[in-house]
Amino acid sequence: MEVVKQLLQDIKLPSMVKVRQHFDAPEIEDVQSEVHRAIGIADVLAKIDKGDEVAIAVGSRGVADIPLLTREVVNAVRSAGGHPFIVPAMGSHGGARAEGQKSVLEHLGVTEEFSGAEIRSSMEVVKIGELSNGLPVYFDRHAYEADKVIVINRIKPHTAFRGDIESGLLKMITIGLGKQKGAEAAHSYGFKYMAEHVPAMAKIALEKCPIIFGLASIENAYDRPAKIIAIPSERLLDDEPELLLEAKRLMPRIKFDPLDVLVVEELGKDISGDGMDPNISGRFPTPYASGGVLASRVAVLKLTEKTHGNANGIGLADVITKEAFEQIELEKGYANALTSTVVDTVKIPMMLETEELAIKAAIKTCNAFDLEAIRMVRIENTLELQEIWISESLVPEAEKMRDITILQDSISQVNS
């Protein structure tokens, strides 16, 4: 590494200033009450007969207050005379094992004790149909054999494709409740056809399975519930597209664009399915989605503790640190890549010994005209965008922006 150090020795780290980004962020104050209000407005509890066994499908990550949402749906089902139980709806996550998926829910706080309902976790599925192109459609056996099914999920933009329907209730029905087999089938033709396949597969599930409604949440820029709505099953295909547009409008972003260098302190599956949300970083794993900031170089400094070595998404960075490299447990990311058929996410970028060298490497290779006046932003992760660090060259721009507050006048080094 001595040659590398010599090549980078004259690269200067820019001075950085901390700023606060302000976003339009409506927020629900009483989530518990809002769940029951939404269910009441939709008038969906009438679909539950006394004594019905009701499967409540719950996903794996990225849903604010998911334990509370789950518990209140459990309570609502019980108030209607049903017998609720919880089914993990997370495709191949949790190592594609029943105990692993139950563990994922428990780590999210969705426990039997808190929710008041049994968790029935299995990877067994029932084939319920197939598309005209032969793709099979699967459904979790426990949910299929229940009298009724309810699905809980957040609606948000997907990280690898664009369509009227992306991440949300319908995708959970097709891929989440399809378990490993369903996830593999949905991804087998690649993300090019995902916008077409998700609603087509969901339509079959809605016809063949006893789904009665979905509880959807939309989150604001600070990852708090901005809207909760119960959607009857017969309205899901029509209503979800409008909610997706609303979710996109409320998403946070990096307001300095374009950038020469984006430094992301931590990456992990607990942050995004792709480690760092491409809708923020601008680094997408497929050519079928776009958006986010335009950054010439992206440096990642470490993995989150909660990702447990799963570095899916690390391949979307240009430079990483030795610390991040040594945290990687390859097989975990490979499992995601083999299921999704997207392999760029698990490639290993250039690796440097220290944070300082990694950032210097990103600067040296960003092709800016003036490397001493680069446009650089440093963020904790793609979920934490309220307070970020900007290079000194961006301060004049920040001073003109009404939705930016400069938090400190003092200048500090980026690697401090």
Protein backbone atom coordinates (compact mmCIF):
# COMPACT_ATOMS: atom_id res chain seq x y z
CA MET A 1 0.00 0.00 0.00
CA GLU A 2 3.01 2.32 0.08
CA VAL A 3 2.61 3.16 -3.59
CA VAL A 4 -1.05 3.98 -2.97
CA LYS A 5 -0.15 6.27 -0.09
CA GLN A 6 2.38 8.07 -2.25
CA LEU A 7 -0.16 8.56 -5.03
CA LEU A 8 -2.61 10.07 -2.54
CA GLN A 9 -0.23 12.06 -0.34
CA ASP A 10 -0.85 15.37 -2.12
CA ILE A 11 -4.64 15.06 -2.12
CA LYS A 12 -6.17 17.47 0.37
CA LEU A 13 -9.29 16.72 2.39
CA PRO A 14 -11.76 19.59 2.17
CA SER A 15 -12.92 21.44 5.23
CA MET A 16 -16.48 20.53 6.14
CA VAL A 17 -19.47 22.34 7.64
CA LYS A 18 -22.48 20.73 9.28
CA VAL A 19 -25.90 21.76 7.96
CA ARG A 20 -29.51 20.84 8.62
CA GLN A 21 -31.81 20.03 5.71
CA HIS A 22 -35.50 20.86 6.18
CA PHE A 23 -38.24 18.80 4.54
CA ASP A 24 -42.01 18.96 4.28
CA ALA A 25 -42.82 16.30 6.84
CA PRO A 26 -46.43 15.68 7.93
CA GLU A 27 -46.51 13.22 10.82
CA ILE A 28 -49.17 11.15 12.59
CA GLU A 29 -49.06 11.95 16.30
CA ASP A 30 -51.11 8.99 17.57
CA VAL A 31 -50.25 5.97 15.43
CA GLN A 32 -52.26 3.56 17.57
CA SER A 33 -55.50 5.51 17.16
CA GLU A 34 -54.84 6.16 13.47
CA VAL A 35 -54.65 2.42 12.73
CA HIS A 36 -58.13 1.90 14.14
CA ARG A 37 -59.46 5.03 12.43
CA ALA A 38 -58.14 3.84 9.06
CA ILE A 39 -59.61 0.38 9.52
CA GLY A 40 -62.94 1.93 10.52
CA ILE A 41 -63.07 4.20 7.47
CA ALA A 42 -62.39 1.25 5.15
CA ASP A 43 -65.07 -0.82 6.92
CA VAL A 44 -63.06 -4.01 6.43
CA LEU A 45 -63.59 -5.76 9.76
CA ALA A 46 -67.04 -6.81 8.56
CA LYS A 47 -65.25 -9.31 6.31
CA ILE A 48 -64.12 -11.27 9.38
CA ASP A 49 -66.54 -13.88 10.66
CA LYS A 50 -66.55 -14.91 14.30
CA GLY A 51 -64.00 -17.67 14.85
CA ASP A 52 -62.03 -16.96 11.66
CA GLU A 53 -58.32 -17.68 11.76
CA VAL A 54 -56.73 -14.53 10.38
CA ALA A 55 -53.13 -14.46 9.10
CA ILE A 56 -51.43 -11.08 9.43
CA ALA A 57 -48.49 -10.78 7.02
CA VAL A 58 -45.60 -8.66 8.31
CA GLY A 59 -42.42 -7.77 6.41
CA SER A 60 -38.80 -7.54 7.35
CA ARG A 61 -37.47 -3.99 7.49
CA GLY A 62 -37.88 -0.29 6.95
CA VAL A 63 -41.36 0.24 8.40
CA ALA A 64 -41.61 2.77 11.22
CA ASP A 65 -43.57 1.54 14.25
CA ILE A 66 -44.10 -1.88 12.71
CA PRO A 67 -44.55 -3.51 16.15
CA LEU A 68 -47.28 -1.00 16.97
CA LEU A 69 -48.99 -1.36 13.59
CA THR A 70 -48.96 -5.14 13.98
CA ARG A 71 -50.27 -5.12 17.54
CA GLU A 72 -53.18 -2.84 16.70
CA VAL A 73 -54.19 -4.93 13.68
CA VAL A 74 -54.10 -7.96 15.99
CA ASN A 75 -56.36 -6.11 18.43
CA ALA A 76 -58.72 -5.05 15.63
CA VAL A 77 -59.04 -8.64 14.37
CA ARG A 78 -59.71 -9.89 17.86
CA SER A 79 -62.37 -7.20 18.39
CA ALA A 80 -64.15 -8.55 15.31
CA GLY A 81 -64.19 -12.07 16.75
CA GLY A 82 -61.26 -13.41 14.74
CA HIS A 83 -58.27 -15.39 15.93
CA PRO A 84 -55.16 -13.57 14.65
CA PHE A 85 -51.72 -14.99 14.04
CA ILE A 86 -48.63 -13.48 12.38
CA VAL A 87 -46.89 -14.76 9.25
CA PRO A 88 -43.44 -13.47 8.18
CA ALA A 89 -43.78 -12.09 4.64
CA MET A 90 -40.21 -11.47 3.57
CA GLY A 91 -39.35 -13.65 0.59
CA SER A 92 -35.92 -15.18 1.14
CA HIS A 93 -34.78 -12.98 4.02
CA GLY A 94 -33.68 -14.47 7.31
CA GLY A 95 -31.45 -16.91 5.47
CA ALA A 96 -34.55 -18.34 3.77
CA ARG A 97 -35.22 -20.32 6.95
CA ALA A 98 -38.37 -20.41 9.07
CA GLU A 99 -36.52 -19.74 12.32
CA GLY A 100 -34.47 -17.03 10.62
CA GLN A 101 -37.57 -15.17 9.48
CA LYS A 102 -39.14 -15.36 12.92
CA SER A 103 -35.90 -14.03 14.36
CA VAL A 104 -35.93 -11.11 11.93
CA LEU A 105 -39.42 -10.14 13.12
CA GLU A 106 -38.37 -10.42 16.75
CA HIS A 107 -35.36 -8.17 16.14
CA LEU A 108 -37.76 -5.61 14.70
CA GLY A 109 -39.82 -5.80 17.89
CA VAL A 110 -42.63 -7.89 16.40
CA THR A 111 -42.68 -10.51 19.13
CA GLU A 112 -45.47 -12.76 20.28
CA GLU A 113 -45.38 -11.06 23.67
CA PHE A 114 -45.74 -7.51 22.32
CA SER A 115 -48.19 -8.24 19.52
CA GLY A 116 -50.31 -10.65 21.50
CA ALA A 117 -50.39 -13.16 18.64
CA GLU A 118 -48.60 -16.35 17.72
CA ILE A 119 -45.96 -16.19 14.97
CA ARG A 120 -46.29 -19.10 12.53
CA SER A 121 -43.16 -19.15 10.43
CA SER A 122 -42.62 -21.62 7.62
CA MET A 123 -41.01 -21.63 4.18
CA GLU A 124 -43.70 -23.96 2.85
CA VAL A 125 -45.73 -22.52 -0.01
CA VAL A 126 -48.68 -23.44 -2.19
CA LYS A 127 -48.56 -22.89 -5.93
CA ILE A 128 -51.69 -20.87 -6.70
CA GLY A 129 -51.23 -20.24 -10.41
CA GLU A 130 -48.86 -19.00 -13.07
CA LEU A 131 -48.51 -16.13 -15.50
CA SER A 132 -49.03 -16.55 -19.23
CA ASN A 133 -45.24 -16.73 -19.64
CA GLY A 134 -45.08 -19.70 -17.28
CA LEU A 135 -43.83 -17.93 -14.15
CA PRO A 136 -45.30 -19.72 -11.11
CA VAL A 137 -47.06 -17.83 -8.33
CA TYR A 138 -46.64 -19.06 -4.75
CA PHE A 139 -48.29 -18.20 -1.44
CA ASP A 140 -47.30 -18.96 2.16
CA ARG A 141 -49.06 -22.16 3.24
CA HIS A 142 -50.07 -20.88 6.70
CA ALA A 143 -51.66 -17.80 5.13
CA TYR A 144 -53.28 -19.78 2.33
CA GLU A 145 -54.93 -22.14 4.80
CA ALA A 146 -56.19 -19.31 7.01
CA ASP A 147 -59.76 -18.10 6.74
CA LYS A 148 -58.66 -14.52 6.06
CA VAL A 149 -55.38 -12.68 5.34
CA ILE A 150 -54.30 -9.11 6.12
CA VAL A 151 -51.09 -7.54 4.82
CA ILE A 152 -49.11 -4.75 6.53
CA ASN A 153 -46.40 -2.79 4.72
CA ARG A 154 -44.97 0.60 3.89
CA ILE A 155 -45.45 1.95 0.37
CA LYS A 156 -42.28 3.48 -1.09
CA PRO A 157 -40.19 3.70 -4.28
CA HIS A 158 -38.31 0.55 -5.22
CA THR A 159 -34.54 0.55 -5.51
CA ALA A 160 -34.23 -1.33 -8.81
CA PHE A 161 -37.27 -0.68 -11.03
CA ARG A 162 -39.96 1.89 -11.81
CA GLY A 163 -43.65 1.30 -12.35
CA ASP A 164 -47.13 2.26 -11.18
CA ILE A 165 -46.62 -0.26 -8.37
CA GLU A 166 -43.24 -0.65 -6.69
CA SER A 167 -42.58 -1.50 -3.02
CA GLY A 168 -45.71 -1.90 -0.97
CA LEU A 169 -48.65 -4.18 -0.28
CA LEU A 170 -48.84 -5.81 -3.69
CA LYS A 171 -45.13 -6.58 -3.81
CA MET A 172 -45.41 -8.10 -0.33
CA ILE A 173 -48.27 -10.28 -1.54
CA THR A 174 -46.27 -11.59 -4.51
CA ILE A 175 -42.72 -11.75 -3.17
CA GLY A 176 -43.02 -11.51 0.61
CA LEU A 177 -45.78 -14.09 0.96
CA GLY A 178 -44.29 -16.06 -1.91
CA LYS A 179 -41.35 -16.85 0.39
CA GLN A 180 -38.08 -17.99 -1.19
CA LYS A 181 -39.75 -19.73 -4.13
CA GLY A 182 -41.96 -16.77 -4.88
CA ALA A 183 -39.10 -14.30 -4.61
CA GLU A 184 -36.97 -16.42 -6.91
CA ALA A 185 -39.78 -16.73 -9.47
CA ALA A 186 -40.55 -13.00 -9.44
CA HIS A 187 -36.88 -12.12 -9.97
CA SER A 188 -36.06 -14.84 -12.50
CA TYR A 189 -36.64 -12.64 -15.57
CA GLY A 190 -34.84 -9.71 -13.96
CA PHE A 191 -36.02 -6.27 -12.91
CA LYS A 192 -36.76 -5.28 -16.51
CA TYR A 193 -40.13 -7.02 -16.16
CA MET A 194 -40.77 -6.50 -12.45
CA ALA A 195 -43.20 -3.61 -12.96
CA GLU A 196 -45.28 -5.93 -15.12
CA HIS A 197 -44.90 -9.11 -13.08
CA VAL A 198 -45.67 -7.77 -9.58
CA PRO A 199 -49.25 -6.62 -10.28
CA ALA A 200 -49.93 -9.62 -12.53
CA MET A 201 -48.82 -12.07 -9.84
CA ALA A 202 -50.64 -10.07 -7.14
CA LYS A 203 -53.86 -10.24 -9.16
CA ILE A 204 -53.70 -14.03 -9.10
CA ALA A 205 -53.08 -14.03 -5.34
CA LEU A 206 -55.98 -11.66 -4.75
CA GLU A 207 -58.26 -13.98 -6.74
CA LYS A 208 -57.07 -17.26 -5.22
CA CYS A 209 -56.27 -16.34 -1.59
CA PRO A 210 -58.50 -15.00 1.21
CA ILE A 211 -56.87 -11.54 1.42
CA ILE A 212 -59.36 -9.05 2.84
CA PHE A 213 -57.35 -5.84 3.16
CA GLY A 214 -53.94 -4.27 3.45
CA LEU A 215 -52.76 -1.72 5.98
CA ALA A 216 -50.39 0.70 4.26
CA SER A 217 -48.15 3.36 5.72
CA ILE A 218 -46.41 6.24 3.99
CA GLU A 219 -43.46 7.82 5.77
CA ASN A 220 -42.13 11.34 5.82
CA ALA A 221 -38.54 12.43 5.21
CA TYR A 222 -37.63 11.58 8.81
CA ASP A 223 -38.92 8.00 8.57
CA ARG A 224 -42.02 8.65 10.64
CA PRO A 225 -45.57 7.67 9.62
CA ALA A 226 -47.16 10.45 7.60
CA LYS A 227 -50.22 8.50 6.53
CA ILE A 228 -51.89 5.20 7.44
CA ILE A 229 -54.64 3.80 5.26
CA ALA A 230 -56.55 0.52 5.16
CA ILE A 231 -57.25 -0.63 1.61
CA PRO A 232 -59.87 -3.32 0.87
CA SER A 233 -58.43 -6.10 -1.27
CA GLU A 234 -60.63 -5.21 -4.21
CA ARG A 235 -59.14 -1.68 -4.24
CA LEU A 236 -55.45 -2.56 -3.90
CA LEU A 237 -54.55 -2.57 -7.60
CA ASP A 238 -56.32 0.77 -8.12
CA ASP A 239 -55.28 2.64 -4.95
CA GLU A 240 -51.62 1.74 -4.47
CA PRO A 241 -50.29 3.75 -7.46
CA GLU A 242 -51.61 7.03 -6.02
CA LEU A 243 -50.10 6.25 -2.64
CA LEU A 244 -46.75 5.54 -4.30
CA LEU A 245 -46.78 9.01 -5.88
CA GLU A 246 -47.44 10.51 -2.46
CA ALA A 247 -44.61 8.49 -0.93
CA LYS A 248 -42.20 9.72 -3.61
CA ARG A 249 -43.18 13.32 -2.94
CA LEU A 250 -42.38 12.97 0.77
CA MET A 251 -39.02 11.24 0.34
CA PRO A 252 -35.92 13.00 1.67
CA ARG A 253 -32.98 13.81 -0.59
CA ILE A 254 -29.55 15.35 -0.65
CA LYS A 255 -30.26 18.92 -1.72
CA PHE A 256 -26.79 19.58 -3.10
CA ASP A 257 -26.64 18.14 -6.59
CA PRO A 258 -24.50 17.23 -8.48
CA LEU A 259 -21.59 16.12 -6.29
CA ASP A 260 -18.01 15.19 -6.94
CA VAL A 261 -17.86 12.91 -3.91
CA LEU A 262 -20.50 11.39 -1.62
CA VAL A 263 -19.19 9.83 1.59
CA VAL A 264 -21.53 7.34 3.27
CA GLU A 265 -20.42 6.44 6.78
CA GLU A 266 -22.39 3.20 7.07
CA LEU A 267 -24.17 0.71 4.83
CA GLY A 268 -26.47 -2.14 5.82
CA LYS A 269 -29.59 -4.16 5.12
CA ASP A 270 -31.22 -2.44 8.09
CA ILE A 271 -30.82 0.84 6.18
CA SER A 272 -32.00 -0.39 2.77
CA GLY A 273 -32.32 -3.62 0.84
CA ASP A 274 -29.38 -2.33 -1.19
CA GLY A 275 -27.38 -1.23 1.84
CA MET A 276 -27.70 2.43 0.91
CA ASP A 277 -30.94 3.53 -0.72
CA PRO A 278 -30.26 4.19 -4.42
CA ASN A 279 -33.14 6.68 -4.39
CA ILE A 280 -30.84 8.80 -2.22
CA SER A 281 -27.32 7.83 -3.35
CA GLY A 282 -28.17 7.77 -7.04
CA ARG A 283 -26.38 4.42 -7.37
CA PHE A 284 -28.88 1.90 -8.75
CA PRO A 285 -28.22 -1.82 -9.17
CA THR A 286 -30.11 -1.99 -12.49
CA PRO A 287 -30.73 0.34 -15.44
CA TYR A 288 -34.48 0.20 -14.80
CA ALA A 289 -34.60 2.86 -12.10
CA SER A 290 -33.16 6.33 -11.68
CA GLY A 291 -33.13 9.28 -9.31
CA GLY A 292 -31.17 10.44 -6.29
CA VAL A 293 -28.09 12.62 -6.28
CA LEU A 294 -25.59 12.54 -9.14
CA ALA A 295 -22.22 11.79 -7.52
CA SER A 296 -19.06 11.09 -9.50
CA ARG A 297 -17.63 8.97 -6.68
CA VAL A 298 -19.18 7.25 -3.67
CA ALA A 299 -17.11 6.09 -0.69
CA VAL A 300 -18.47 3.76 2.01
CA LEU A 301 -16.63 3.62 5.35
CA LYS A 302 -18.19 0.70 7.28
CA LEU A 303 -21.12 -1.69 7.66
CA THR A 304 -23.81 -1.28 10.28
CA GLU A 305 -23.78 -3.63 13.25
CA LYS A 306 -27.34 -4.75 12.54
CA THR A 307 -26.54 -5.92 9.01
CA HIS A 308 -24.48 -8.75 10.54
CA GLY A 309 -21.97 -8.82 7.70
CA ASN A 310 -24.50 -8.64 4.87
CA ALA A 311 -22.86 -6.15 2.51
CA ASN A 312 -25.44 -6.30 -0.27
CA GLY A 313 -25.08 -2.95 -2.03
CA ILE A 314 -21.38 -2.48 -1.34
CA GLY A 315 -20.70 -3.02 -5.04
CA LEU A 316 -22.53 0.23 -5.81
CA ALA A 317 -19.73 2.18 -4.09
CA ASP A 318 -16.46 3.09 -5.78
CA VAL A 319 -14.21 2.99 -2.72
CA ILE A 320 -14.47 1.29 0.68
CA THR A 321 -12.26 0.99 3.77
CA LYS A 322 -10.40 -2.02 5.04
CA GLU A 323 -12.73 -1.97 8.06
CA ALA A 324 -15.78 -2.33 5.81
CA PHE A 325 -14.08 -5.08 3.81
CA GLU A 326 -13.27 -7.09 6.94
CA GLN A 327 -16.88 -6.86 8.13
CA ILE A 328 -18.23 -8.55 5.01
CA GLU A 329 -19.68 -12.06 5.24
CA LEU A 330 -19.84 -12.86 1.57
CA GLU A 331 -22.40 -15.66 1.64
CA LYS A 332 -25.08 -13.39 3.12
CA GLY A 333 -24.89 -10.90 0.28
CA TYR A 334 -24.50 -13.69 -2.23
CA ALA A 335 -27.82 -15.17 -1.08
CA ASN A 336 -29.51 -11.87 -1.96
CA ALA A 337 -27.71 -11.66 -5.30
CA LEU A 338 -28.60 -15.21 -6.29
CA THR A 339 -32.26 -14.68 -5.44
CA SER A 340 -32.57 -11.25 -7.09
CA THR A 341 -30.23 -12.20 -10.01
CA VAL A 342 -28.49 -8.83 -9.50
CA VAL A 343 -24.77 -9.36 -8.92
CA ASP A 344 -23.26 -5.86 -9.13
CA THR A 345 -24.44 -5.22 -5.56
CA VAL A 346 -21.99 -7.74 -4.10
CA LYS A 347 -18.87 -6.87 -6.09
CA ILE A 348 -15.96 -5.58 -3.99
CA PRO A 349 -14.85 -2.00 -4.78
CA MET A 350 -11.36 -0.54 -4.38
CA MET A 351 -10.36 -1.05 -0.73
CA LEU A 352 -8.12 1.38 1.21
CA GLU A 353 -6.62 0.93 4.65
CA THR A 354 -8.12 3.99 6.35
CA GLU A 355 -11.07 6.35 6.05
CA GLU A 356 -8.71 9.15 5.10
CA LEU A 357 -7.18 7.16 2.25
CA ALA A 358 -10.57 5.99 1.03
CA ILE A 359 -11.90 9.53 0.85
CA LYS A 360 -8.70 10.78 -0.78
CA ALA A 361 -9.00 8.03 -3.40
CA ALA A 362 -12.57 9.12 -4.14
CA ILE A 363 -11.41 12.72 -4.49
CA LYS A 364 -8.45 11.87 -6.73
CA THR A 365 -10.61 9.86 -9.12
CA CYS A 366 -13.68 12.12 -9.26
CA ASN A 367 -12.35 14.09 -12.27
CA ALA A 368 -13.27 17.49 -10.83
CA PHE A 369 -11.50 20.43 -12.45
CA ASP A 370 -10.31 21.73 -9.08
CA LEU A 371 -9.65 19.03 -6.47
CA GLU A 372 -9.19 21.68 -3.78
CA ALA A 373 -12.71 23.00 -4.27
CA ILE A 374 -14.68 19.79 -4.70
CA ARG A 375 -18.39 19.43 -4.07
CA MET A 376 -18.50 16.82 -1.32
CA VAL A 377 -21.23 15.67 1.07
CA ARG A 378 -20.83 13.27 3.97
CA ILE A 379 -23.88 11.49 5.43
CA GLU A 380 -24.27 8.97 8.25
CA ASN A 381 -26.44 6.73 6.08
CA THR A 382 -29.23 7.14 3.55
CA LEU A 383 -31.87 7.19 6.30
CA GLU A 384 -30.26 10.02 8.28
CA LEU A 385 -30.42 13.07 6.02
CA GLN A 386 -31.57 15.83 8.33
CA GLU A 387 -28.05 16.76 9.44
CA ILE A 388 -25.23 16.29 6.94
CA TRP A 389 -21.72 17.63 6.30
CA ILE A 390 -20.90 19.69 3.23
CA SER A 391 -17.54 20.80 1.88
CA GLU A 392 -16.58 24.44 2.26
CA SER A 393 -17.08 25.01 -1.46
CA LEU A 394 -20.83 24.34 -1.00
CA VAL A 395 -21.33 26.92 1.78
CA PRO A 396 -22.18 29.85 -0.55
CA GLU A 397 -24.82 27.64 -2.16
CA ALA A 398 -26.18 26.61 1.25
CA GLU A 399 -26.46 30.23 2.37
CA LYS A 400 -28.89 30.92 -0.49
CA MET A 401 -31.15 27.96 0.26
CA ARG A 402 -34.18 28.57 2.48
CA ASP A 403 -34.47 24.92 3.45
CA ILE A 404 -30.85 24.67 4.65
CA THR A 405 -29.56 25.85 8.05
CA ILE A 406 -25.83 26.09 8.66
CA LEU A 407 -25.31 24.62 12.13
CA GLN A 408 -21.80 25.76 12.86
CA ASP A 409 -19.45 28.43 11.62
CA SER A 410 -16.34 26.57 12.65
CA ILE A 411 -14.68 24.34 10.08
CA SER A 412 -13.60 20.80 10.80
CA GLN A 413 -11.74 18.22 8.79
CA VAL A 414 -13.86 15.59 7.07
CA ASN A 415 -12.02 12.74 8.78
CA SER A 416 -12.24 14.18 12.30
